Amino acid sequence: MCGRYSLTSELDRLLPRLQGPLPAGLRQHYAPRPQIRPGEPLLLLRQEHGQLGAALALWGLLPSWVKDPGGCRRPINARAETVAEKASFRGPWRHHRCLIPADAFQEKGHQVRRADGAPFWLGGLWERWIGAEGSELDTCCVLTTTPNDLIAPVHHRMPVVVPDGLEEPWLAPCDGPALRALEPLLQPWDGSAWRLEPLPKPAPQCAPLDQEQLELPW
């Protein structure tokens, strides 16, 4: 699984990746986050109404069809092998894929990052829940796959990583052959240009972002 990751890159380094308008307040209040955890708001890139744009969503996917969000399990990961079959994920897999910028992810006392230190894309799904009174809540989860040789010694799962340059086909809503064409991206990725490092102890902690400052829509 993927239950912790970091985004410590400066915003100026991320801006070329974050196409379209930015979430309100992000420029003023963005700060590097050495550990992002489930239940916290995270930054993602998505396509909505035909336009690419950055957004914020809570980590833990809430299906749009749920009536009572308080009593619903919110998965933080979706298995690539069954994403097209599970009721909670098959709709977002077709229409609401997203990309989550990261510069490392953490597993069992280790962190995994690119050897060059560059940020990368975690493949994810997002969904919008709308309450009876019209309130909206955007949530998301990270796709996982079987581990490559680098990750296998520390965990039996790893996040899907979408290569740079494939943002538009990954984000575009699709079905049929176009959707099946994305399936190779769900396979284990080559770890030769990556590094597995011990995580410093104690693990870095980071307080959740101030939701009022970021003007989140929930």
N, C-alpha and C. Protein backbone atom coordinates (compact mmCIF):
# COMPACT_ATOMS: atom_id res chain seq x y z
N MET A 1 0.84 -1.19 0.00
CA MET A 1 0.00 0.00 0.00
C MET A 1 0.88 1.23 0.00
N CYS A 2 0.27 2.37 -0.19
CA CYS A 2 0.96 3.64 -0.06
C CYS A 2 0.19 4.46 0.95
N GLY A 3 0.77 4.64 2.15
CA GLY A 3 0.08 5.34 3.21
C GLY A 3 0.76 6.60 3.68
N ARG A 4 1.93 6.90 3.15
CA ARG A 4 2.64 8.14 3.45
C ARG A 4 3.45 8.54 2.22
N TYR A 5 3.50 9.83 1.94
CA TYR A 5 4.42 10.31 0.90
C TYR A 5 4.81 11.73 1.25
N SER A 6 5.78 12.26 0.52
CA SER A 6 6.24 13.62 0.79
C SER A 6 6.17 14.46 -0.47
N LEU A 7 6.01 15.75 -0.26
CA LEU A 7 6.09 16.74 -1.33
C LEU A 7 6.85 17.92 -0.76
N THR A 8 8.17 17.87 -0.88
CA THR A 8 9.03 18.90 -0.30
C THR A 8 9.60 19.85 -1.35
N SER A 9 9.27 19.64 -2.61
CA SER A 9 9.74 20.53 -3.67
C SER A 9 9.16 21.93 -3.49
N GLU A 10 9.94 22.92 -3.85
CA GLU A 10 9.44 24.29 -3.83
C GLU A 10 8.37 24.46 -4.90
N LEU A 11 7.43 25.37 -4.63
CA LEU A 11 6.31 25.55 -5.55
C LEU A 11 6.78 25.93 -6.95
N ASP A 12 7.83 26.74 -7.05
CA ASP A 12 8.32 27.14 -8.37
C ASP A 12 8.74 25.94 -9.21
N ARG A 13 9.22 24.89 -8.54
CA ARG A 13 9.62 23.69 -9.27
C ARG A 13 8.41 22.87 -9.71
N LEU A 14 7.30 23.03 -9.00
CA LEU A 14 6.10 22.27 -9.33
C LEU A 14 5.23 22.95 -10.37
N LEU A 15 5.32 24.28 -10.46
CA LEU A 15 4.40 25.02 -11.32
C LEU A 15 4.38 24.53 -12.77
N PRO A 16 5.52 24.16 -13.38
CA PRO A 16 5.44 23.66 -14.76
C PRO A 16 4.58 22.40 -14.89
N ARG A 17 4.41 21.65 -13.80
CA ARG A 17 3.59 20.45 -13.84
C ARG A 17 2.11 20.76 -13.62
N LEU A 18 1.83 21.82 -12.88
CA LEU A 18 0.46 22.10 -12.47
C LEU A 18 -0.20 23.01 -13.49
N GLN A 19 -0.73 22.41 -14.52
CA GLN A 19 -1.34 23.16 -15.60
C GLN A 19 -2.68 23.74 -15.16
N GLY A 20 -3.03 24.87 -15.76
CA GLY A 20 -4.32 25.48 -15.46
C GLY A 20 -4.28 26.29 -14.17
N PRO A 21 -5.44 26.78 -13.73
CA PRO A 21 -5.50 27.61 -12.52
C PRO A 21 -5.14 26.80 -11.27
N LEU A 22 -4.57 27.49 -10.29
CA LEU A 22 -4.22 26.86 -9.02
C LEU A 22 -5.35 27.01 -8.02
N PRO A 23 -5.45 26.11 -7.04
CA PRO A 23 -6.45 26.28 -5.99
C PRO A 23 -6.26 27.60 -5.26
N ALA A 24 -7.36 28.19 -4.83
CA ALA A 24 -7.31 29.48 -4.15
C ALA A 24 -6.40 29.41 -2.93
N GLY A 25 -5.50 30.36 -2.81
CA GLY A 25 -4.63 30.47 -1.65
C GLY A 25 -3.38 29.63 -1.70
N LEU A 26 -3.21 28.80 -2.73
CA LEU A 26 -2.06 27.89 -2.73
C LEU A 26 -0.74 28.64 -2.81
N ARG A 27 -0.67 29.66 -3.66
CA ARG A 27 0.59 30.41 -3.80
C ARG A 27 1.00 31.04 -2.47
N GLN A 28 0.03 31.54 -1.73
CA GLN A 28 0.34 32.24 -0.49
C GLN A 28 0.71 31.29 0.64
N HIS A 29 0.12 30.10 0.66
CA HIS A 29 0.24 29.25 1.83
C HIS A 29 0.92 27.92 1.56
N TYR A 30 1.40 27.70 0.34
CA TYR A 30 2.09 26.44 0.06
C TYR A 30 3.33 26.32 0.93
N ALA A 31 3.56 25.13 1.47
CA ALA A 31 4.77 24.83 2.24
C ALA A 31 5.18 23.40 1.97
N PRO A 32 6.48 23.11 1.91
CA PRO A 32 6.93 21.72 1.74
C PRO A 32 6.37 20.85 2.86
N ARG A 33 5.99 19.62 2.50
CA ARG A 33 5.38 18.70 3.47
C ARG A 33 6.16 17.38 3.46
N PRO A 34 6.97 17.12 4.49
CA PRO A 34 7.78 15.91 4.51
C PRO A 34 7.01 14.64 4.76
N GLN A 35 5.78 14.75 5.24
CA GLN A 35 4.97 13.54 5.41
C GLN A 35 3.50 13.90 5.26
N ILE A 36 2.88 13.38 4.22
CA ILE A 36 1.46 13.59 3.95
C ILE A 36 0.75 12.29 4.27
N ARG A 37 -0.33 12.38 5.06
CA ARG A 37 -0.97 11.21 5.62
C ARG A 37 -2.43 11.11 5.20
N PRO A 38 -3.02 9.92 5.28
CA PRO A 38 -4.45 9.77 4.96
C PRO A 38 -5.31 10.71 5.80
N GLY A 39 -6.36 11.22 5.16
CA GLY A 39 -7.26 12.15 5.82
C GLY A 39 -6.87 13.60 5.65
N GLU A 40 -5.65 13.86 5.16
CA GLU A 40 -5.21 15.23 4.96
C GLU A 40 -5.51 15.68 3.53
N PRO A 41 -5.61 17.00 3.32
CA PRO A 41 -5.77 17.50 1.95
C PRO A 41 -4.46 17.36 1.19
N LEU A 42 -4.57 16.98 -0.06
CA LEU A 42 -3.38 16.86 -0.90
C LEU A 42 -3.62 17.53 -2.24
N LEU A 43 -2.53 17.85 -2.90
CA LEU A 43 -2.55 18.53 -4.18
C LEU A 43 -2.59 17.50 -5.30
N LEU A 44 -3.40 17.75 -6.32
CA LEU A 44 -3.46 16.84 -7.46
C LEU A 44 -3.74 17.61 -8.74
N LEU A 45 -3.50 16.93 -9.85
CA LEU A 45 -3.82 17.45 -11.18
C LEU A 45 -4.91 16.57 -11.76
N ARG A 46 -5.95 17.19 -12.33
CA ARG A 46 -7.07 16.43 -12.88
C ARG A 46 -7.62 17.15 -14.09
N GLN A 47 -8.50 16.46 -14.80
CA GLN A 47 -9.23 17.08 -15.90
C GLN A 47 -10.70 17.13 -15.51
N GLU A 48 -11.28 18.32 -15.61
CA GLU A 48 -12.69 18.50 -15.29
C GLU A 48 -13.29 19.46 -16.31
N HIS A 49 -14.44 19.08 -16.86
CA HIS A 49 -15.10 19.88 -17.89
C HIS A 49 -14.17 20.18 -19.05
N GLY A 50 -13.33 19.21 -19.39
CA GLY A 50 -12.43 19.35 -20.53
C GLY A 50 -11.19 20.17 -20.28
N GLN A 51 -10.98 20.64 -19.05
CA GLN A 51 -9.84 21.49 -18.75
C GLN A 51 -8.95 20.84 -17.69
N LEU A 52 -7.62 20.90 -17.91
CA LEU A 52 -6.69 20.44 -16.90
C LEU A 52 -6.52 21.52 -15.84
N GLY A 53 -6.41 21.10 -14.59
CA GLY A 53 -6.21 22.06 -13.52
C GLY A 53 -5.80 21.39 -12.23
N ALA A 54 -5.09 22.13 -11.39
CA ALA A 54 -4.72 21.63 -10.08
C ALA A 54 -5.90 21.78 -9.12
N ALA A 55 -5.95 20.92 -8.12
CA ALA A 55 -7.04 20.95 -7.15
C ALA A 55 -6.53 20.37 -5.84
N LEU A 56 -7.33 20.53 -4.80
CA LEU A 56 -7.07 19.92 -3.51
C LEU A 56 -8.18 18.93 -3.20
N ALA A 57 -7.81 17.81 -2.60
CA ALA A 57 -8.79 16.79 -2.24
C ALA A 57 -8.30 16.08 -0.99
N LEU A 58 -9.23 15.55 -0.20
CA LEU A 58 -8.86 14.78 0.98
C LEU A 58 -8.44 13.38 0.57
N TRP A 59 -7.42 12.87 1.22
CA TRP A 59 -6.90 11.53 0.91
C TRP A 59 -7.76 10.48 1.63
N GLY A 60 -8.48 9.72 0.84
CA GLY A 60 -9.43 8.71 1.32
C GLY A 60 -10.69 8.84 0.49
N LEU A 61 -10.88 7.96 -0.50
CA LEU A 61 -11.92 8.16 -1.50
C LEU A 61 -13.31 7.85 -0.97
N LEU A 62 -14.21 8.82 -1.13
CA LEU A 62 -15.62 8.68 -0.76
C LEU A 62 -16.43 8.56 -2.04
N PRO A 63 -17.04 7.39 -2.32
CA PRO A 63 -17.81 7.23 -3.55
C PRO A 63 -18.95 8.24 -3.64
N SER A 64 -19.25 8.67 -4.84
CA SER A 64 -20.28 9.69 -5.04
C SER A 64 -21.66 9.21 -4.66
N TRP A 65 -21.88 7.88 -4.67
CA TRP A 65 -23.21 7.33 -4.42
C TRP A 65 -23.49 7.06 -2.95
N VAL A 66 -22.54 7.31 -2.07
CA VAL A 66 -22.73 7.07 -0.64
C VAL A 66 -23.72 8.09 -0.07
N LYS A 67 -24.67 7.61 0.73
CA LYS A 67 -25.65 8.51 1.34
C LYS A 67 -25.17 9.09 2.66
N ASP A 68 -24.48 8.28 3.45
CA ASP A 68 -24.00 8.72 4.76
C ASP A 68 -22.48 8.66 4.79
N PRO A 69 -21.80 9.78 4.55
CA PRO A 69 -20.34 9.75 4.52
C PRO A 69 -19.72 9.44 5.87
N GLY A 70 -20.45 9.71 6.95
CA GLY A 70 -19.90 9.47 8.27
C GLY A 70 -19.67 8.01 8.57
N GLY A 71 -20.47 7.13 7.99
CA GLY A 71 -20.34 5.70 8.27
C GLY A 71 -19.69 4.92 7.16
N CYS A 72 -19.02 5.61 6.25
CA CYS A 72 -18.46 4.95 5.06
C CYS A 72 -16.94 4.81 5.18
N ARG A 73 -16.44 3.63 4.84
CA ARG A 73 -15.00 3.42 4.77
C ARG A 73 -14.44 4.20 3.59
N ARG A 74 -13.33 4.88 3.79
CA ARG A 74 -12.72 5.68 2.73
C ARG A 74 -11.34 5.11 2.39
N PRO A 75 -11.25 4.27 1.39
CA PRO A 75 -9.96 3.65 1.06
C PRO A 75 -8.95 4.68 0.58
N ILE A 76 -7.71 4.51 1.03
CA ILE A 76 -6.64 5.40 0.59
C ILE A 76 -5.93 4.85 -0.64
N ASN A 77 -6.13 3.56 -0.92
CA ASN A 77 -5.50 2.91 -2.07
C ASN A 77 -6.54 2.13 -2.86
N ALA A 78 -6.29 1.95 -4.14
CA ALA A 78 -7.09 1.10 -5.02
C ALA A 78 -6.14 0.16 -5.75
N ARG A 79 -6.42 -1.13 -5.71
CA ARG A 79 -5.56 -2.11 -6.37
C ARG A 79 -5.75 -2.01 -7.88
N ALA A 80 -4.63 -1.89 -8.60
CA ALA A 80 -4.70 -1.79 -10.06
C ALA A 80 -5.34 -3.01 -10.69
N GLU A 81 -5.15 -4.18 -10.08
CA GLU A 81 -5.65 -5.41 -10.67
C GLU A 81 -7.17 -5.48 -10.69
N THR A 82 -7.84 -4.76 -9.78
CA THR A 82 -9.30 -4.86 -9.67
C THR A 82 -9.99 -3.51 -9.79
N VAL A 83 -9.26 -2.47 -10.18
CA VAL A 83 -9.85 -1.13 -10.19
C VAL A 83 -11.02 -1.02 -11.16
N ALA A 84 -11.00 -1.79 -12.24
CA ALA A 84 -12.08 -1.73 -13.23
C ALA A 84 -13.31 -2.52 -12.80
N GLU A 85 -13.21 -3.27 -11.69
CA GLU A 85 -14.30 -4.14 -11.27
C GLU A 85 -15.01 -3.66 -10.01
N LYS A 86 -14.29 -3.06 -9.08
CA LYS A 86 -14.86 -2.69 -7.79
C LYS A 86 -15.81 -1.51 -7.94
N ALA A 87 -16.95 -1.59 -7.26
CA ALA A 87 -17.98 -0.56 -7.39
C ALA A 87 -17.48 0.82 -7.01
N SER A 88 -16.61 0.89 -6.01
CA SER A 88 -16.14 2.20 -5.55
C SER A 88 -15.17 2.87 -6.52
N PHE A 89 -14.55 2.05 -7.40
CA PHE A 89 -13.46 2.56 -8.22
C PHE A 89 -13.72 2.56 -9.72
N ARG A 90 -14.63 1.73 -10.21
CA ARG A 90 -14.72 1.58 -11.67
C ARG A 90 -15.19 2.85 -12.37
N GLY A 91 -16.07 3.64 -11.73
CA GLY A 91 -16.46 4.92 -12.33
C GLY A 91 -15.31 5.91 -12.37
N PRO A 92 -14.66 6.17 -11.22
CA PRO A 92 -13.49 7.06 -11.25
C PRO A 92 -12.37 6.57 -12.17
N TRP A 93 -12.20 5.26 -12.29
CA TRP A 93 -11.16 4.74 -13.19
C TRP A 93 -11.44 5.16 -14.63
N ARG A 94 -12.69 5.22 -15.01
CA ARG A 94 -13.02 5.64 -16.38
C ARG A 94 -12.98 7.16 -16.55
N HIS A 95 -13.47 7.87 -15.56
CA HIS A 95 -13.74 9.30 -15.77
C HIS A 95 -12.98 10.25 -14.85
N HIS A 96 -12.43 9.78 -13.74
CA HIS A 96 -11.82 10.67 -12.76
C HIS A 96 -10.44 10.19 -12.32
N ARG A 97 -9.57 9.94 -13.28
CA ARG A 97 -8.18 9.66 -12.91
C ARG A 97 -7.47 10.98 -12.58
N CYS A 98 -6.47 10.90 -11.74
CA CYS A 98 -5.73 12.11 -11.36
C CYS A 98 -4.26 11.78 -11.22
N LEU A 99 -3.46 12.82 -11.09
CA LEU A 99 -2.02 12.71 -10.87
C LEU A 99 -1.66 13.47 -9.61
N ILE A 100 -0.92 12.83 -8.73
CA ILE A 100 -0.58 13.41 -7.43
C ILE A 100 0.93 13.67 -7.41
N PRO A 101 1.36 14.92 -7.34
CA PRO A 101 2.80 15.19 -7.32
C PRO A 101 3.42 14.77 -5.99
N ALA A 102 4.59 14.13 -6.09
CA ALA A 102 5.32 13.66 -4.90
C ALA A 102 6.81 13.71 -5.21
N ASP A 103 7.63 13.71 -4.18
CA ASP A 103 9.06 13.53 -4.41
C ASP A 103 9.63 12.35 -3.63
N ALA A 104 8.78 11.65 -2.86
CA ALA A 104 9.16 10.39 -2.22
C ALA A 104 7.90 9.74 -1.67
N PHE A 105 7.92 8.43 -1.54
CA PHE A 105 6.87 7.74 -0.78
C PHE A 105 7.54 6.85 0.24
N GLN A 106 6.80 6.50 1.28
CA GLN A 106 7.40 5.86 2.44
C GLN A 106 6.75 4.50 2.71
N GLU A 107 7.59 3.51 2.99
CA GLU A 107 7.13 2.16 3.29
C GLU A 107 8.02 1.54 4.36
N LYS A 108 7.43 1.19 5.50
CA LYS A 108 8.10 0.39 6.54
C LYS A 108 9.52 0.86 6.85
N GLY A 109 9.62 2.12 7.27
CA GLY A 109 10.91 2.64 7.69
C GLY A 109 11.83 3.05 6.57
N HIS A 110 11.32 3.07 5.35
CA HIS A 110 12.13 3.46 4.19
C HIS A 110 11.40 4.52 3.39
N GLN A 111 12.16 5.27 2.61
CA GLN A 111 11.57 6.17 1.64
C GLN A 111 12.14 5.85 0.27
N VAL A 112 11.31 6.04 -0.74
CA VAL A 112 11.68 5.74 -2.12
C VAL A 112 11.59 7.04 -2.91
N ARG A 113 12.67 7.38 -3.60
CA ARG A 113 12.69 8.61 -4.38
C ARG A 113 13.48 8.39 -5.66
N ARG A 114 13.29 9.29 -6.62
CA ARG A 114 14.10 9.24 -7.82
C ARG A 114 15.55 9.58 -7.48
N ALA A 115 16.47 8.94 -8.17
CA ALA A 115 17.89 9.17 -7.90
C ALA A 115 18.28 10.63 -8.13
N ASP A 116 17.61 11.29 -9.08
CA ASP A 116 17.93 12.69 -9.36
C ASP A 116 17.17 13.67 -8.46
N GLY A 117 16.32 13.15 -7.57
CA GLY A 117 15.59 13.99 -6.64
C GLY A 117 14.40 14.72 -7.23
N ALA A 118 14.09 14.48 -8.49
CA ALA A 118 13.00 15.20 -9.16
C ALA A 118 11.64 14.72 -8.66
N PRO A 119 10.63 15.59 -8.68
CA PRO A 119 9.28 15.15 -8.35
C PRO A 119 8.74 14.21 -9.43
N PHE A 120 7.71 13.47 -9.08
CA PHE A 120 7.11 12.51 -10.00
C PHE A 120 5.61 12.45 -9.74
N TRP A 121 4.90 11.71 -10.58
CA TRP A 121 3.45 11.59 -10.49
C TRP A 121 3.04 10.24 -9.89
N LEU A 122 2.27 10.26 -8.83
CA LEU A 122 1.55 9.08 -8.38
C LEU A 122 0.23 9.02 -9.13
N GLY A 123 -0.11 7.85 -9.65
CA GLY A 123 -1.40 7.69 -10.31
C GLY A 123 -2.51 7.52 -9.29
N GLY A 124 -3.60 8.24 -9.47
CA GLY A 124 -4.70 8.18 -8.50
C GLY A 124 -6.06 8.31 -9.14
N LEU A 125 -7.07 8.25 -8.29
CA LEU A 125 -8.47 8.45 -8.67
C LEU A 125 -9.05 9.52 -7.76
N TRP A 126 -9.97 10.31 -8.29
CA TRP A 126 -10.66 11.28 -7.46
C TRP A 126 -12.16 11.15 -7.67
N GLU A 127 -12.91 11.66 -6.71
CA GLU A 127 -14.37 11.59 -6.79
C GLU A 127 -14.95 12.79 -6.06
N ARG A 128 -16.15 13.18 -6.45
CA ARG A 128 -16.86 14.29 -5.79
C ARG A 128 -18.16 13.77 -5.18
N TRP A 129 -18.28 13.95 -3.89
CA TRP A 129 -19.52 13.60 -3.19
C TRP A 129 -20.32 14.88 -2.98
N ILE A 130 -21.61 14.83 -3.27
CA ILE A 130 -22.50 15.98 -3.11
C ILE A 130 -23.58 15.62 -2.12
N GLY A 131 -23.68 16.38 -1.04
CA GLY A 131 -24.67 16.13 -0.01
C GLY A 131 -26.06 16.58 -0.42
N ALA A 132 -27.05 16.18 0.37
CA ALA A 132 -28.44 16.50 0.06
C ALA A 132 -28.68 18.00 0.02
N GLU A 133 -27.91 18.75 0.81
CA GLU A 133 -28.09 20.20 0.85
C GLU A 133 -27.20 20.92 -0.14
N GLY A 134 -26.45 20.14 -0.96
CA GLY A 134 -25.62 20.73 -2.00
C GLY A 134 -24.16 20.89 -1.65
N SER A 135 -23.76 20.53 -0.44
CA SER A 135 -22.34 20.63 -0.08
C SER A 135 -21.53 19.63 -0.90
N GLU A 136 -20.27 19.99 -1.19
CA GLU A 136 -19.42 19.16 -2.03
C GLU A 136 -18.14 18.78 -1.28
N LEU A 137 -17.67 17.57 -1.54
CA LEU A 137 -16.44 17.07 -0.93
C LEU A 137 -15.66 16.30 -1.99
N ASP A 138 -14.47 16.77 -2.31
CA ASP A 138 -13.59 16.07 -3.25
C ASP A 138 -12.61 15.20 -2.46
N THR A 139 -12.52 13.93 -2.85
CA THR A 139 -11.63 12.99 -2.19
C THR A 139 -10.85 12.22 -3.25
N CYS A 140 -9.83 11.48 -2.82
CA CYS A 140 -9.00 10.77 -3.78
C CYS A 140 -8.34 9.57 -3.13
N CYS A 141 -7.73 8.72 -3.95
CA CYS A 141 -6.94 7.60 -3.47
C CYS A 141 -5.79 7.36 -4.44
N VAL A 142 -4.81 6.58 -4.00
CA VAL A 142 -3.62 6.26 -4.80
C VAL A 142 -3.75 4.85 -5.33
N LEU A 143 -3.49 4.66 -6.61
CA LEU A 143 -3.48 3.33 -7.21
C LEU A 143 -2.20 2.59 -6.81
N THR A 144 -2.33 1.29 -6.54
CA THR A 144 -1.16 0.48 -6.20
C THR A 144 -1.07 -0.73 -7.11
N THR A 145 0.14 -1.25 -7.23
CA THR A 145 0.40 -2.41 -8.08
C THR A 145 1.38 -3.34 -7.36
N THR A 146 1.75 -4.43 -8.01
CA THR A 146 2.73 -5.35 -7.42
C THR A 146 4.11 -4.69 -7.42
N PRO A 147 4.98 -5.04 -6.48
CA PRO A 147 6.25 -4.32 -6.35
C PRO A 147 7.28 -4.75 -7.37
N ASN A 148 8.17 -3.84 -7.69
CA ASN A 148 9.34 -4.19 -8.50
C ASN A 148 10.45 -4.73 -7.59
N ASP A 149 11.60 -5.02 -8.16
CA ASP A 149 12.69 -5.62 -7.38
C ASP A 149 13.21 -4.69 -6.29
N LEU A 150 13.07 -3.39 -6.50
CA LEU A 150 13.55 -2.43 -5.50
C LEU A 150 12.66 -2.44 -4.26
N ILE A 151 11.34 -2.49 -4.47
CA ILE A 151 10.38 -2.34 -3.38
C ILE A 151 10.06 -3.67 -2.70
N ALA A 152 10.13 -4.77 -3.43
CA ALA A 152 9.70 -6.07 -2.91
C ALA A 152 10.31 -6.44 -1.56
N PRO A 153 11.57 -6.12 -1.27
CA PRO A 153 12.11 -6.49 0.04
C PRO A 153 11.44 -5.81 1.23
N VAL A 154 10.73 -4.69 1.00
CA VAL A 154 10.14 -3.96 2.13
C VAL A 154 8.62 -3.97 2.12
N HIS A 155 7.99 -4.26 0.96
CA HIS A 155 6.52 -4.25 0.92
C HIS A 155 6.01 -5.04 -0.27
N HIS A 156 4.78 -5.59 -0.12
CA HIS A 156 4.20 -6.39 -1.19
C HIS A 156 3.37 -5.57 -2.17
N ARG A 157 3.28 -4.26 -1.96
CA ARG A 157 2.59 -3.36 -2.88
C ARG A 157 3.44 -2.11 -3.06
N MET A 158 3.18 -1.37 -4.15
CA MET A 158 3.82 -0.07 -4.35
C MET A 158 2.87 0.80 -5.17
N PRO A 159 3.01 2.12 -5.09
CA PRO A 159 2.13 2.99 -5.85
C PRO A 159 2.41 2.94 -7.34
N VAL A 160 1.37 3.16 -8.12
CA VAL A 160 1.52 3.34 -9.56
C VAL A 160 2.19 4.69 -9.80
N VAL A 161 3.21 4.71 -10.63
CA VAL A 161 3.90 5.96 -11.01
C VAL A 161 3.69 6.17 -12.51
N VAL A 162 3.12 7.31 -12.86
CA VAL A 162 2.84 7.64 -14.26
C VAL A 162 4.00 8.45 -14.81
N PRO A 163 4.63 8.01 -15.90
CA PRO A 163 5.80 8.72 -16.44
C PRO A 163 5.45 10.13 -16.92
N ASP A 164 6.42 11.02 -16.80
CA ASP A 164 6.26 12.37 -17.36
C ASP A 164 5.97 12.26 -18.86
N GLY A 165 5.12 13.16 -19.35
CA GLY A 165 4.77 13.18 -20.76
C GLY A 165 3.49 12.46 -21.08
N LEU A 166 2.95 11.70 -20.13
CA LEU A 166 1.70 10.96 -20.36
C LEU A 166 0.54 11.55 -19.56
N GLU A 167 0.68 12.80 -19.16
CA GLU A 167 -0.35 13.43 -18.34
C GLU A 167 -1.70 13.49 -19.05
N GLU A 168 -1.73 13.95 -20.28
CA GLU A 168 -3.01 14.15 -20.96
C GLU A 168 -3.76 12.85 -21.21
N PRO A 169 -3.13 11.79 -21.76
CA PRO A 169 -3.88 10.55 -21.92
C PRO A 169 -4.31 9.93 -20.59
N TRP A 170 -3.52 10.10 -19.55
CA TRP A 170 -3.91 9.54 -18.26
C TRP A 170 -5.13 10.27 -17.69
N LEU A 171 -5.18 11.57 -17.86
CA LEU A 171 -6.25 12.36 -17.25
C LEU A 171 -7.53 12.40 -18.07
N ALA A 172 -7.46 12.15 -19.36
CA ALA A 172 -8.64 12.27 -20.21
C ALA A 172 -9.66 11.18 -19.91
N PRO A 173 -10.93 11.52 -19.64
CA PRO A 173 -11.95 10.49 -19.46
C PRO A 173 -12.04 9.61 -20.70
N CYS A 174 -12.15 8.31 -20.50
CA CYS A 174 -12.19 7.41 -21.65
C CYS A 174 -12.77 6.07 -21.24
N ASP A 175 -13.04 5.25 -22.24
CA ASP A 175 -13.58 3.91 -22.04
C ASP A 175 -13.10 3.05 -23.18
N GLY A 176 -13.40 1.76 -23.13
CA GLY A 176 -13.09 0.86 -24.23
C GLY A 176 -11.61 0.79 -24.53
N PRO A 177 -11.24 0.81 -25.82
CA PRO A 177 -9.83 0.66 -26.21
C PRO A 177 -8.92 1.73 -25.60
N ALA A 178 -9.39 2.96 -25.50
CA ALA A 178 -8.55 4.03 -24.93
C ALA A 178 -8.24 3.76 -23.47
N LEU A 179 -9.20 3.21 -22.74
CA LEU A 179 -8.97 2.88 -21.34
C LEU A 179 -8.02 1.69 -21.21
N ARG A 180 -8.22 0.70 -22.06
CA ARG A 180 -7.33 -0.48 -22.02
C ARG A 180 -5.90 -0.10 -22.38
N ALA A 181 -5.74 0.95 -23.18
CA ALA A 181 -4.39 1.38 -23.56
C ALA A 181 -3.60 1.91 -22.36
N LEU A 182 -4.30 2.26 -21.28
CA LEU A 182 -3.62 2.75 -20.08
C LEU A 182 -3.15 1.63 -19.17
N GLU A 183 -3.63 0.42 -19.40
CA GLU A 183 -3.33 -0.68 -18.48
C GLU A 183 -1.84 -0.96 -18.32
N PRO A 184 -1.00 -0.80 -19.37
CA PRO A 184 0.44 -1.01 -19.13
C PRO A 184 1.03 -0.08 -18.07
N LEU A 185 0.42 1.07 -17.86
CA LEU A 185 0.92 1.99 -16.84
C LEU A 185 0.65 1.49 -15.43
N LEU A 186 -0.21 0.49 -15.31
CA LEU A 186 -0.53 -0.08 -14.00
C LEU A 186 0.44 -1.19 -13.61
N GLN A 187 1.33 -1.54 -14.50
CA GLN A 187 2.29 -2.61 -14.23
C GLN A 187 3.47 -2.07 -13.39
N PRO A 188 4.22 -2.96 -12.75
CA PRO A 188 5.39 -2.51 -11.98
C PRO A 188 6.36 -1.71 -12.85
N TRP A 189 6.82 -0.59 -12.34
CA TRP A 189 7.71 0.28 -13.10
C TRP A 189 9.17 -0.07 -12.80
N ASP A 190 10.03 0.35 -13.71
CA ASP A 190 11.47 0.07 -13.61
C ASP A 190 12.08 0.89 -12.47
N GLY A 191 12.70 0.22 -11.52
CA GLY A 191 13.26 0.91 -10.36
C GLY A 191 14.73 1.24 -10.48
N SER A 192 15.32 1.09 -11.67
CA SER A 192 16.77 1.28 -11.80
C SER A 192 17.21 2.72 -11.56
N ALA A 193 16.33 3.68 -11.81
CA ALA A 193 16.68 5.09 -11.61
C ALA A 193 16.12 5.63 -10.30
N TRP A 194 15.81 4.73 -9.37
CA TRP A 194 15.23 5.11 -8.09
C TRP A 194 16.13 4.66 -6.95
N ARG A 195 15.89 5.21 -5.75
CA ARG A 195 16.68 4.86 -4.57
C ARG A 195 15.76 4.52 -3.40
N LEU A 196 16.10 3.45 -2.70
CA LEU A 196 15.43 3.05 -1.47
C LEU A 196 16.35 3.40 -0.31
N GLU A 197 15.89 4.28 0.59
CA GLU A 197 16.74 4.80 1.66
C GLU A 197 16.07 4.61 3.01
N PRO A 198 16.84 4.42 4.08
CA PRO A 198 16.23 4.38 5.41
C PRO A 198 15.57 5.72 5.72
N LEU A 199 14.43 5.66 6.35
CA LEU A 199 13.72 6.87 6.73
C LEU A 199 14.30 7.38 8.05
N PRO A 200 14.67 8.64 8.12
CA PRO A 200 15.22 9.17 9.38
C PRO A 200 14.25 8.95 10.54
N LYS A 201 14.77 8.69 11.71
CA LYS A 201 13.94 8.47 12.90
C LYS A 201 14.21 9.58 13.92
N PRO A 202 13.16 10.16 14.49
CA PRO A 202 11.77 9.86 14.19
C PRO A 202 11.37 10.37 12.82
N ALA A 203 10.35 9.75 12.22
CA ALA A 203 9.88 10.17 10.91
C ALA A 203 9.41 11.61 10.98
N PRO A 204 9.70 12.40 9.96
CA PRO A 204 9.27 13.80 9.97
C PRO A 204 7.76 13.90 10.05
N GLN A 205 7.30 14.82 10.85
CA GLN A 205 5.87 15.04 11.02
C GLN A 205 5.51 16.39 10.42
N CYS A 206 4.29 16.48 9.96
CA CYS A 206 3.84 17.73 9.34
C CYS A 206 2.39 17.94 9.70
N ALA A 207 2.07 19.09 10.26
CA ALA A 207 0.68 19.37 10.60
C ALA A 207 -0.14 19.53 9.33
N PRO A 208 -1.43 19.13 9.37
CA PRO A 208 -2.28 19.31 8.19
C PRO A 208 -2.33 20.77 7.77
N LEU A 209 -2.53 20.99 6.49
CA LEU A 209 -2.69 22.35 6.00
C LEU A 209 -3.91 23.00 6.62
N ASP A 210 -3.85 24.30 6.82
CA ASP A 210 -4.97 25.06 7.35
C ASP A 210 -6.05 25.14 6.29
N GLN A 211 -7.17 24.45 6.51
CA GLN A 211 -8.21 24.38 5.48
C GLN A 211 -8.84 25.74 5.23
N GLU A 212 -8.98 26.56 6.29
CA GLU A 212 -9.57 27.88 6.08
C GLU A 212 -8.65 28.75 5.24
N GLN A 213 -7.35 28.67 5.51
CA GLN A 213 -6.41 29.47 4.74
C GLN A 213 -6.44 29.10 3.27
N LEU A 214 -6.57 27.80 2.98
CA LEU A 214 -6.56 27.35 1.60
C LEU A 214 -7.93 27.44 0.94
N GLU A 215 -8.94 27.85 1.71
CA GLU A 215 -10.29 28.01 1.18
C GLU A 215 -10.78 26.73 0.51
N LEU A 216 -10.61 25.60 1.22
CA LEU A 216 -11.07 24.34 0.66
C LEU A 216 -12.59 24.30 0.62
N PRO A 217 -13.17 23.62 -0.38
CA PRO A 217 -14.62 23.65 -0.56
C PRO A 217 -15.33 22.60 0.28
N TRP A 218 -14.88 22.36 1.53
CA TRP A 218 -15.60 21.42 2.38
C TRP A 218 -15.55 21.93 3.81
